[in-house]
């Protein structure tokens, strides 16, 4: 019995760890040949510190040791700054050569460099992860790196409602990163469209050299339905706009009248410089107001001028409609039930389903506003895309929001009530 108790005491009071071992691990961070080994050393050092602190009693006698550990923590934090500051070029150089048509990567910065090596890349996230990607979306827009960001929207803000639906990221998709730029955003409402529009998303990314947002929601993300996959030779795939110029002639950001530069791939002998700074046709930083005006104007214009071609939508029954329901994603399927109910009551109701959310179909809304009395806009948020509808309607037609904070979908009866209200 006495022997057993002694063993328990020994287990609850482990031998204090050697502080020199912790110092060695921290020092090793600066000398490791690769970031991956440095991350390993940082994790081990942090674990050793935590275990050492847990072993110390909370007494006055332990204060000097605690101060010593606090100093070591500060050293560890300083060393870890090196890891955060390691640039993508270093990390990308240490990965294996990419030999694939597509790169699915958890870390969108590394995925971006895969694109410059010739791959097609996309990354998938939800909620907070999308917020963390905003810097990289701006970088992709500025460097004209074709890529796809899939956001399976859930309730927010912050952690919000994991695994429950919302559509609260629609404005963030367009305006989330700083500065002036344009993106393309698509909104599927079925598994079939998830397949079809993913292809379309990659095609748009390649054609316009722009990040494309794929704005799903939790319901569509978890939906199970039949998907028809056509033979590969029937799938339209837009090839990358690869340069045919010689190494001597090629400038990475020079355009040929269509505002979209040709690309070269790393390892083909072409010289190019990729930077998030305002840059000239060589890719070299040029920090003048004149270059800023020229570059950012082109980044916007290449998408805005193609709005008619990029804008995809489903329109039905709008010719003589008194009310038009504008919706997207899973909400469009609930809205269809409300539209059918309204038509069953003899009401003239049309449908406009946004497949392309950005660029917003301004011309279509302005056209419809001239011949309808009102727009009804149900969304799984408290009012985002409705602002664009109201702006483009410009007072010619009323705009009514049917809000829902998320966590479930609308009741068709609520959308029907808004349609009836719009006709009063």
Protein backbone atom coordinates (compact mmCIF):
# COMPACT_ATOMS: atom_id res chain seq x y z
CA UNK A 1 0.00 0.00 0.00
CA UNK A 2 2.80 2.38 0.98
CA UNK A 3 4.66 1.56 -2.22
CA UNK A 4 1.58 2.32 -4.33
CA UNK A 5 1.09 5.76 -2.76
CA UNK A 6 4.72 6.61 -3.38
CA UNK A 7 4.32 5.82 -7.07
CA UNK A 8 1.31 8.15 -7.33
CA UNK A 9 3.25 11.00 -5.75
CA UNK A 10 6.08 10.46 -8.19
CA UNK A 11 3.67 10.55 -11.15
CA UNK A 12 2.02 13.77 -10.02
CA UNK A 13 5.37 15.54 -9.44
CA UNK A 14 7.49 14.82 -12.53
CA UNK A 15 11.19 15.59 -12.54
CA UNK A 16 11.76 19.24 -13.62
CA UNK A 17 12.92 19.44 -17.23
CA UNK A 18 16.34 20.73 -18.11
CA UNK A 19 16.05 24.43 -19.02
CA UNK A 20 19.08 24.06 -21.27
CA UNK A 21 17.08 21.68 -23.47
CA UNK A 22 14.48 24.41 -23.99
CA UNK A 23 17.21 26.97 -24.78
CA UNK A 24 18.70 24.55 -27.31
CA UNK A 25 15.38 24.12 -29.08
CA UNK A 26 14.80 27.88 -29.30
CA UNK A 27 18.32 28.47 -30.60
CA UNK A 28 17.79 25.78 -33.22
CA UNK A 29 14.92 27.73 -34.77
CA UNK A 30 17.33 30.14 -36.41
CA UNK A 31 19.63 27.45 -37.72
CA UNK A 32 17.24 24.96 -39.26
CA UNK A 33 17.71 24.56 -43.03
CA UNK A 34 13.96 24.46 -43.77
CA UNK A 35 10.84 26.13 -42.33
CA UNK A 36 9.27 22.73 -41.69
CA UNK A 37 12.06 21.73 -39.26
CA UNK A 38 11.84 25.14 -37.63
CA UNK A 39 8.14 24.63 -37.02
CA UNK A 40 8.99 21.29 -35.44
CA UNK A 41 11.50 22.90 -33.06
CA UNK A 42 9.06 25.66 -32.14
CA UNK A 43 6.38 23.15 -31.23
CA UNK A 44 8.78 21.06 -29.15
CA UNK A 45 10.10 24.13 -27.32
CA UNK A 46 6.58 25.31 -26.56
CA UNK A 47 5.64 21.88 -25.23
CA UNK A 48 8.73 21.79 -23.01
CA UNK A 49 7.93 25.22 -21.59
CA UNK A 50 4.36 24.24 -20.81
CA UNK A 51 5.47 21.05 -19.07
CA UNK A 52 8.15 22.92 -17.09
CA UNK A 53 5.64 25.50 -15.89
CA UNK A 54 3.14 22.81 -14.92
CA UNK A 55 5.82 21.13 -12.79
CA UNK A 56 6.55 24.29 -10.77
CA UNK A 57 4.63 24.86 -7.52
CA UNK A 58 2.95 28.29 -7.14
CA UNK A 59 5.18 29.42 -4.26
CA UNK A 60 7.48 32.36 -3.60
CA UNK A 61 10.43 30.01 -3.90
CA UNK A 62 9.55 29.28 -7.54
CA UNK A 63 9.44 32.94 -8.62
CA UNK A 64 13.03 33.05 -9.98
CA UNK A 65 12.35 29.96 -12.07
CA UNK A 66 9.10 31.44 -13.33
CA UNK A 67 10.90 34.64 -14.36
CA UNK A 68 13.44 32.50 -16.17
CA UNK A 69 10.69 30.68 -18.05
CA UNK A 70 9.01 33.99 -18.91
CA UNK A 71 12.27 35.14 -20.46
CA UNK A 72 12.46 31.92 -22.46
CA UNK A 73 8.89 32.44 -23.67
CA UNK A 74 9.88 35.88 -24.94
CA UNK A 75 12.83 34.36 -26.79
CA UNK A 76 10.56 31.73 -28.32
CA UNK A 77 8.07 34.38 -29.45
CA UNK A 78 10.87 36.37 -31.08
CA UNK A 79 12.14 33.27 -32.87
CA UNK A 80 8.66 32.42 -34.11
CA UNK A 81 8.42 35.83 -35.76
CA UNK A 82 10.99 34.47 -38.19
CA UNK A 83 8.61 31.70 -39.16
CA UNK A 84 5.75 34.10 -39.82
CA UNK A 85 8.02 36.34 -41.87
CA UNK A 86 9.42 33.57 -44.07
CA UNK A 87 8.29 34.52 -47.54
CA UNK A 88 6.37 32.25 -49.87
CA UNK A 89 9.29 32.04 -52.31
CA UNK A 90 11.36 30.18 -49.72
CA UNK A 91 8.59 27.73 -48.83
CA UNK A 92 7.59 27.14 -52.44
CA UNK A 93 11.19 26.41 -53.40
CA UNK A 94 11.33 23.63 -50.86
CA UNK A 95 8.26 21.77 -52.10
CA UNK A 96 8.48 19.00 -54.66
CA UNK A 97 8.09 20.01 -58.33
CA UNK A 98 4.43 20.20 -59.31
CA UNK A 99 3.35 17.73 -61.95
CA UNK A 100 -0.43 18.03 -61.94
CA UNK A 101 -3.21 19.81 -63.76
CA UNK A 102 -4.89 20.86 -60.53
CA UNK A 103 -3.53 21.80 -57.14
CA UNK A 104 -5.87 21.55 -54.14
CA UNK A 105 -4.04 23.25 -51.31
CA UNK A 106 -4.94 24.04 -47.75
CA UNK A 107 -2.61 27.04 -47.71
CA UNK A 108 -3.73 29.41 -50.42
CA UNK A 109 -0.37 31.22 -50.56
CA UNK A 110 1.41 28.02 -51.61
CA UNK A 111 -1.43 27.20 -53.99
CA UNK A 112 -0.92 30.57 -55.67
CA UNK A 113 2.69 29.66 -56.43
CA UNK A 114 1.49 26.37 -57.87
CA UNK A 115 -0.43 28.41 -60.44
CA UNK A 116 2.75 30.16 -61.52
CA UNK A 117 4.25 26.72 -62.00
CA UNK A 118 1.48 25.77 -64.43
CA UNK A 119 -1.16 24.15 -62.17
CA UNK A 120 -4.77 25.16 -61.63
CA UNK A 121 -5.49 25.80 -57.96
CA UNK A 122 -8.43 26.21 -55.64
CA UNK A 123 -8.94 26.34 -51.89
CA UNK A 124 -12.06 25.64 -49.83
CA UNK A 125 -13.16 27.27 -46.60
CA UNK A 126 -16.08 28.58 -44.57
CA UNK A 127 -16.73 31.55 -42.31
CA UNK A 128 -13.60 32.62 -40.39
CA UNK A 129 -11.32 30.93 -42.92
CA UNK A 130 -12.75 33.14 -45.65
CA UNK A 131 -11.97 36.21 -43.55
CA UNK A 132 -8.38 35.07 -43.17
CA UNK A 133 -8.05 34.68 -46.94
CA UNK A 134 -8.89 38.30 -47.76
CA UNK A 135 -5.25 39.40 -47.93
CA UNK A 136 -4.48 36.61 -50.37
CA UNK A 137 -7.53 37.40 -52.50
CA UNK A 138 -6.26 40.96 -52.85
CA UNK A 139 -2.80 39.62 -53.69
CA UNK A 140 -4.27 37.31 -56.36
CA UNK A 141 -6.21 40.23 -57.85
CA UNK A 142 -3.11 42.46 -57.94
CA UNK A 143 -0.78 39.79 -59.35
CA UNK A 144 -3.51 38.49 -61.69
CA UNK A 145 -3.12 34.94 -60.44
CA UNK A 146 -6.00 32.77 -61.75
CA UNK A 147 -7.48 30.74 -58.87
CA UNK A 148 -10.77 29.73 -57.29
CA UNK A 149 -11.88 30.30 -53.68
CA UNK A 150 -14.78 28.11 -52.50
CA UNK A 151 -16.74 29.52 -49.54
CA UNK A 152 -19.39 27.22 -48.06
CA UNK A 153 -21.23 29.95 -46.16
CA UNK A 154 -22.41 29.44 -42.60
CA UNK A 155 -23.89 31.65 -39.92
CA UNK A 156 -21.64 34.36 -38.50
CA UNK A 157 -19.97 36.57 -37.45
CA UNK A 158 -16.95 34.87 -35.87
CA UNK A 159 -17.41 31.15 -35.22
CA UNK A 160 -21.16 31.69 -35.53
CA UNK A 161 -23.10 28.64 -36.64
CA UNK A 162 -20.77 25.89 -37.89
CA UNK A 163 -22.63 23.43 -40.16
CA UNK A 164 -25.74 25.66 -40.34
CA UNK A 165 -26.65 27.75 -43.39
CA UNK A 166 -26.32 31.45 -44.12
CA UNK A 167 -25.47 33.79 -47.00
CA UNK A 168 -23.70 36.44 -44.99
CA UNK A 169 -20.43 36.54 -46.95
CA UNK A 170 -21.77 38.02 -50.18
CA UNK A 171 -20.50 41.56 -49.67
CA UNK A 172 -17.26 40.28 -48.19
CA UNK A 173 -16.64 38.29 -51.37
CA UNK A 174 -16.73 41.52 -53.35
CA UNK A 175 -15.26 44.08 -50.96
CA UNK A 176 -13.37 42.02 -48.35
CA UNK A 177 -9.83 42.95 -49.35
CA UNK A 178 -8.61 46.53 -49.35
CA UNK A 179 -8.19 48.73 -52.42
CA UNK A 180 -9.95 48.85 -55.79
CA UNK A 181 -10.22 45.56 -57.65
CA UNK A 182 -12.78 43.28 -59.27
CA UNK A 183 -13.57 39.61 -58.74
CA UNK A 184 -16.11 37.15 -60.14
CA UNK A 185 -18.50 35.31 -57.80
CA UNK A 186 -20.79 32.40 -58.71
CA UNK A 187 -23.68 30.99 -56.63
CA UNK A 188 -24.77 27.37 -57.24
CA UNK A 189 -28.14 26.13 -55.96
CA UNK A 190 -27.72 22.37 -56.54
CA UNK A 191 -25.07 19.63 -56.67
CA UNK A 192 -25.36 19.66 -60.47
CA UNK A 193 -24.51 23.35 -60.54
CA UNK A 194 -21.66 22.75 -58.10
CA UNK A 195 -20.13 20.56 -60.80
CA UNK A 196 -21.02 22.74 -63.79
CA UNK A 197 -20.15 26.08 -62.19
CA UNK A 198 -16.84 24.83 -60.80
CA UNK A 199 -15.76 24.28 -64.39
CA UNK A 200 -17.12 27.72 -65.26
CA UNK A 201 -15.25 29.23 -62.30
CA UNK A 202 -11.91 27.84 -63.49
CA UNK A 203 -12.66 28.98 -67.03
CA UNK A 204 -13.42 32.53 -65.88
CA UNK A 205 -10.28 32.54 -63.71
CA UNK A 206 -8.12 31.56 -66.67
CA UNK A 207 -9.81 33.82 -69.21
CA UNK A 208 -9.63 36.97 -67.09
CA UNK A 209 -6.70 36.11 -64.78
CA UNK A 210 -8.74 36.89 -61.70
CA UNK A 211 -9.68 35.16 -58.43
CA UNK A 212 -13.16 33.64 -58.69
CA UNK A 213 -15.34 33.19 -55.60
CA UNK A 214 -17.55 30.10 -55.49
CA UNK A 215 -20.26 31.13 -53.01
CA UNK A 216 -21.97 27.99 -51.80
CA UNK A 217 -24.01 27.66 -48.61
CA UNK A 218 -24.21 24.90 -46.03
CA UNK A 219 -27.44 23.41 -47.41
CA UNK A 220 -26.12 23.08 -50.95
CA UNK A 221 -22.80 21.89 -49.55
CA UNK A 222 -24.49 18.96 -47.78
CA UNK A 223 -27.11 18.26 -50.43
CA UNK A 224 -27.34 14.88 -52.14
CA UNK A 225 -28.83 14.84 -55.64
CA UNK A 226 -28.16 13.27 -59.00
CA UNK A 227 -25.23 14.82 -60.88
CA UNK A 228 -24.76 14.16 -64.58
CA UNK A 229 -21.08 14.23 -65.51
CA UNK A 230 -20.59 14.42 -69.28
CA UNK A 231 -17.72 12.74 -71.13
CA UNK A 232 -14.47 14.64 -70.72
CA UNK A 233 -14.36 15.61 -74.40
CA UNK A 234 -17.71 17.40 -73.98
CA UNK A 235 -16.54 19.57 -71.09
CA UNK A 236 -15.48 23.04 -72.18
CA UNK A 237 -12.14 23.90 -70.62
CA UNK A 238 -10.60 27.30 -71.29
CA UNK A 239 -6.83 26.86 -71.59
CA UNK A 240 -4.42 29.18 -69.90
CA UNK A 241 -3.44 32.17 -71.97
CA UNK A 242 0.17 31.09 -72.31
CA UNK A 243 2.55 33.39 -74.09
CA UNK A 244 3.97 32.54 -77.51
CA UNK A 245 6.54 35.31 -77.31
CA UNK A 246 10.23 34.67 -77.04
CA UNK A 247 12.04 35.03 -73.73
CA UNK A 248 13.53 38.30 -74.97
CA UNK A 249 10.17 39.79 -76.05
CA UNK A 250 8.01 38.71 -73.12
CA UNK A 251 6.81 41.20 -70.50
CA UNK A 252 4.66 39.53 -67.81
CA UNK A 253 2.09 42.32 -67.50
CA UNK A 254 2.00 43.58 -71.06
CA UNK A 255 -1.44 43.38 -72.70
CA UNK A 256 -2.37 43.02 -76.35
CA UNK A 257 -5.55 45.08 -76.47
CA UNK A 258 -7.81 42.78 -74.41
CA UNK A 259 -6.54 43.96 -70.98
CA UNK A 260 -5.53 40.41 -69.90
CA UNK A 261 -1.77 39.69 -69.97
CA UNK A 262 -0.36 36.42 -71.25
CA UNK A 263 1.28 34.10 -68.71
CA UNK A 264 4.57 32.28 -68.63
CA UNK A 265 5.37 29.51 -66.19
CA UNK A 266 8.22 29.26 -63.75
CA UNK A 267 11.01 27.06 -65.07
CA UNK A 268 10.47 27.83 -68.76
CA UNK A 269 13.31 30.33 -68.95
CA UNK A 270 11.15 33.47 -68.88
CA UNK A 271 12.15 36.29 -66.55
CA UNK A 272 9.31 37.75 -64.53
CA UNK A 273 8.75 39.37 -61.18
CA UNK A 274 5.57 38.84 -59.14
CA UNK A 275 4.72 41.38 -56.46
CA UNK A 276 1.72 42.80 -54.63
CA UNK A 277 3.22 46.26 -55.06
CA UNK A 278 1.98 48.55 -57.81
CA UNK A 279 4.07 47.42 -60.78
CA UNK A 280 4.86 48.11 -64.42
CA UNK A 281 4.65 45.74 -67.40
CA UNK A 282 7.83 43.99 -66.29
CA UNK A 283 6.31 43.29 -62.89
CA UNK A 284 8.80 45.63 -61.23
CA UNK A 285 7.52 48.00 -58.49
CA UNK A 286 6.57 51.42 -59.80
CA UNK A 287 5.21 53.55 -56.97
CA UNK A 288 3.92 56.49 -58.98
CA UNK A 289 0.34 57.83 -59.09
CA UNK A 290 0.40 57.46 -62.88
CA UNK A 291 1.19 53.74 -62.72
CA UNK A 292 -1.35 53.19 -59.95
CA UNK A 293 -4.02 54.79 -62.12
CA UNK A 294 -3.07 52.75 -65.16
CA UNK A 295 -2.80 49.39 -63.40
CA UNK A 296 -5.83 49.52 -61.10
CA UNK A 297 -8.04 50.92 -63.86
CA UNK A 298 -7.12 47.96 -66.07
CA UNK A 299 -7.74 45.46 -63.25
CA UNK A 300 -11.28 46.80 -62.91
CA UNK A 301 -11.98 47.43 -66.56
CA UNK A 302 -11.15 43.91 -67.74
CA UNK A 303 -14.08 42.60 -65.64
CA UNK A 304 -16.51 45.50 -65.94
CA UNK A 305 -16.29 45.58 -69.71
CA UNK A 306 -17.11 41.86 -69.78
CA UNK A 307 -20.14 42.11 -67.44
CA UNK A 308 -22.62 41.03 -70.10
CA UNK A 309 -20.62 37.89 -70.85
CA UNK A 310 -19.85 37.01 -67.23
CA UNK A 311 -23.33 37.68 -65.83
CA UNK A 312 -25.28 34.44 -65.63
CA UNK A 313 -28.85 34.32 -64.35
CA UNK A 314 -32.08 32.37 -64.65
CA UNK A 315 -35.10 34.45 -65.63
CA UNK A 316 -38.70 33.29 -65.88
CA UNK A 317 -42.10 34.98 -66.04
CA UNK A 318 -40.78 38.54 -65.87
CA UNK A 319 -42.47 39.84 -69.06
CA UNK A 320 -45.70 41.02 -67.39
CA UNK A 321 -44.78 40.53 -63.74
CA UNK A 322 -45.94 42.98 -61.12
CA UNK A 323 -43.38 41.57 -58.67
CA UNK A 324 -40.03 39.94 -59.42
CA UNK A 325 -38.33 37.77 -56.81
CA UNK A 326 -34.52 38.10 -56.90
CA UNK A 327 -32.69 35.29 -55.10
CA UNK A 328 -29.63 33.05 -55.23
CA UNK A 329 -28.21 29.85 -53.78
CA UNK A 330 -30.45 27.68 -51.60
CA UNK A 331 -32.83 30.60 -51.06
CA UNK A 332 -33.75 30.48 -54.74
CA UNK A 333 -35.19 26.99 -54.27
CA UNK A 334 -37.34 28.13 -51.35
CA UNK A 335 -38.33 31.22 -53.32
CA UNK A 336 -39.53 29.05 -56.19
CA UNK A 337 -42.11 27.48 -53.87
CA UNK A 338 -43.30 30.94 -52.80
CA UNK A 339 -43.54 32.04 -56.45
CA UNK A 340 -45.64 28.99 -57.30
CA UNK A 341 -47.92 29.71 -54.33
CA UNK A 342 -48.34 33.33 -55.44
CA UNK A 343 -49.11 32.36 -59.02
CA UNK A 344 -51.67 29.90 -57.69
CA UNK A 345 -53.42 32.90 -56.12
CA UNK A 346 -53.49 34.71 -59.44
CA UNK A 347 -50.58 37.05 -58.75
CA UNK A 348 -48.20 38.02 -61.54
CA UNK A 349 -44.81 37.08 -60.16
CA UNK A 350 -41.53 36.64 -62.02
CA UNK A 351 -38.19 35.14 -61.06
CA UNK A 352 -34.62 36.32 -61.44
CA UNK A 353 -32.09 33.90 -59.97
CA UNK A 354 -28.56 35.24 -59.69
CA UNK A 355 -26.01 32.67 -60.79
CA UNK A 356 -23.32 35.32 -61.11
CA UNK A 357 -23.47 37.58 -58.06
CA UNK A 358 -20.38 39.62 -58.99
CA UNK A 359 -20.13 41.47 -61.25
CA UNK A 360 -23.69 42.34 -60.34
CA UNK A 361 -26.10 42.27 -63.33
CA UNK A 362 -26.83 46.00 -63.23
CA UNK A 363 -28.20 46.25 -66.76
CA UNK A 364 -30.71 43.46 -66.18
CA UNK A 365 -32.03 44.96 -62.94
CA UNK A 366 -32.36 48.40 -64.56
CA UNK A 367 -34.21 46.88 -67.47
CA UNK A 368 -36.63 44.99 -65.21
CA UNK A 369 -37.13 48.00 -62.93
CA UNK A 370 -38.63 49.85 -65.88
CA UNK A 371 -41.48 47.38 -66.27
CA UNK A 372 -42.28 45.94 -62.81
CA UNK A 373 -43.75 47.41 -59.64
CA UNK A 374 -41.45 45.83 -57.08
CA UNK A 375 -38.53 43.51 -56.34
CA UNK A 376 -38.67 41.06 -53.44
CA UNK A 377 -35.23 39.90 -52.28
CA UNK A 378 -35.04 37.00 -49.79
CA UNK A 379 -31.56 36.39 -48.36
CA UNK A 380 -30.05 34.34 -45.54
CA UNK A 381 -28.58 37.52 -44.09
CA UNK A 382 -29.97 40.81 -42.82
CA UNK A 383 -29.62 42.63 -46.14
CA UNK A 384 -26.66 42.48 -48.53
CA UNK A 385 -27.43 41.84 -52.21
CA UNK A 386 -30.72 43.70 -51.71
CA UNK A 387 -28.64 46.89 -51.55
CA UNK A 388 -27.42 46.30 -55.09
CA UNK A 389 -30.96 45.59 -56.31
CA UNK A 390 -32.21 48.80 -54.70
CA UNK A 391 -29.32 50.82 -56.12
CA UNK A 392 -29.88 49.59 -59.66
CA UNK A 393 -33.69 49.94 -59.43
CA UNK A 394 -32.98 53.61 -58.72
CA UNK A 395 -36.48 54.33 -57.40
CA UNK A 396 -38.26 53.03 -60.50
CA UNK A 397 -39.52 49.99 -58.56
CA UNK A 398 -39.91 49.25 -54.87
CA UNK A 399 -37.40 46.89 -53.24
CA UNK A 400 -38.44 44.71 -50.30
CA UNK A 401 -36.01 42.60 -48.28
CA UNK A 402 -37.02 39.28 -46.72
CA UNK A 403 -34.24 38.89 -44.15
CA UNK A 404 -33.15 35.77 -42.27
CA UNK A 405 -30.16 35.72 -39.92
CA UNK A 406 -29.29 32.12 -40.81
CA UNK A 407 -29.34 28.77 -39.07
CA UNK A 408 -32.16 27.48 -41.29
CA UNK A 409 -33.80 28.49 -44.56
CA UNK A 410 -36.80 30.79 -45.10
CA UNK A 411 -40.36 29.60 -44.82
CA UNK A 412 -42.01 29.96 -48.27
CA UNK A 413 -44.95 31.62 -46.51
CA UNK A 414 -42.70 34.49 -45.39
CA UNK A 415 -41.59 35.16 -48.95
CA UNK A 416 -45.21 34.92 -50.13
CA UNK A 417 -46.22 37.50 -47.50
CA UNK A 418 -43.54 39.87 -48.83
CA UNK A 419 -44.83 39.40 -52.39
CA UNK A 420 -48.36 40.27 -51.23
CA UNK A 421 -47.03 43.28 -49.30
CA UNK A 422 -45.21 44.54 -52.40
CA UNK A 423 -48.49 44.63 -54.34
CA UNK A 424 -50.33 46.84 -51.84
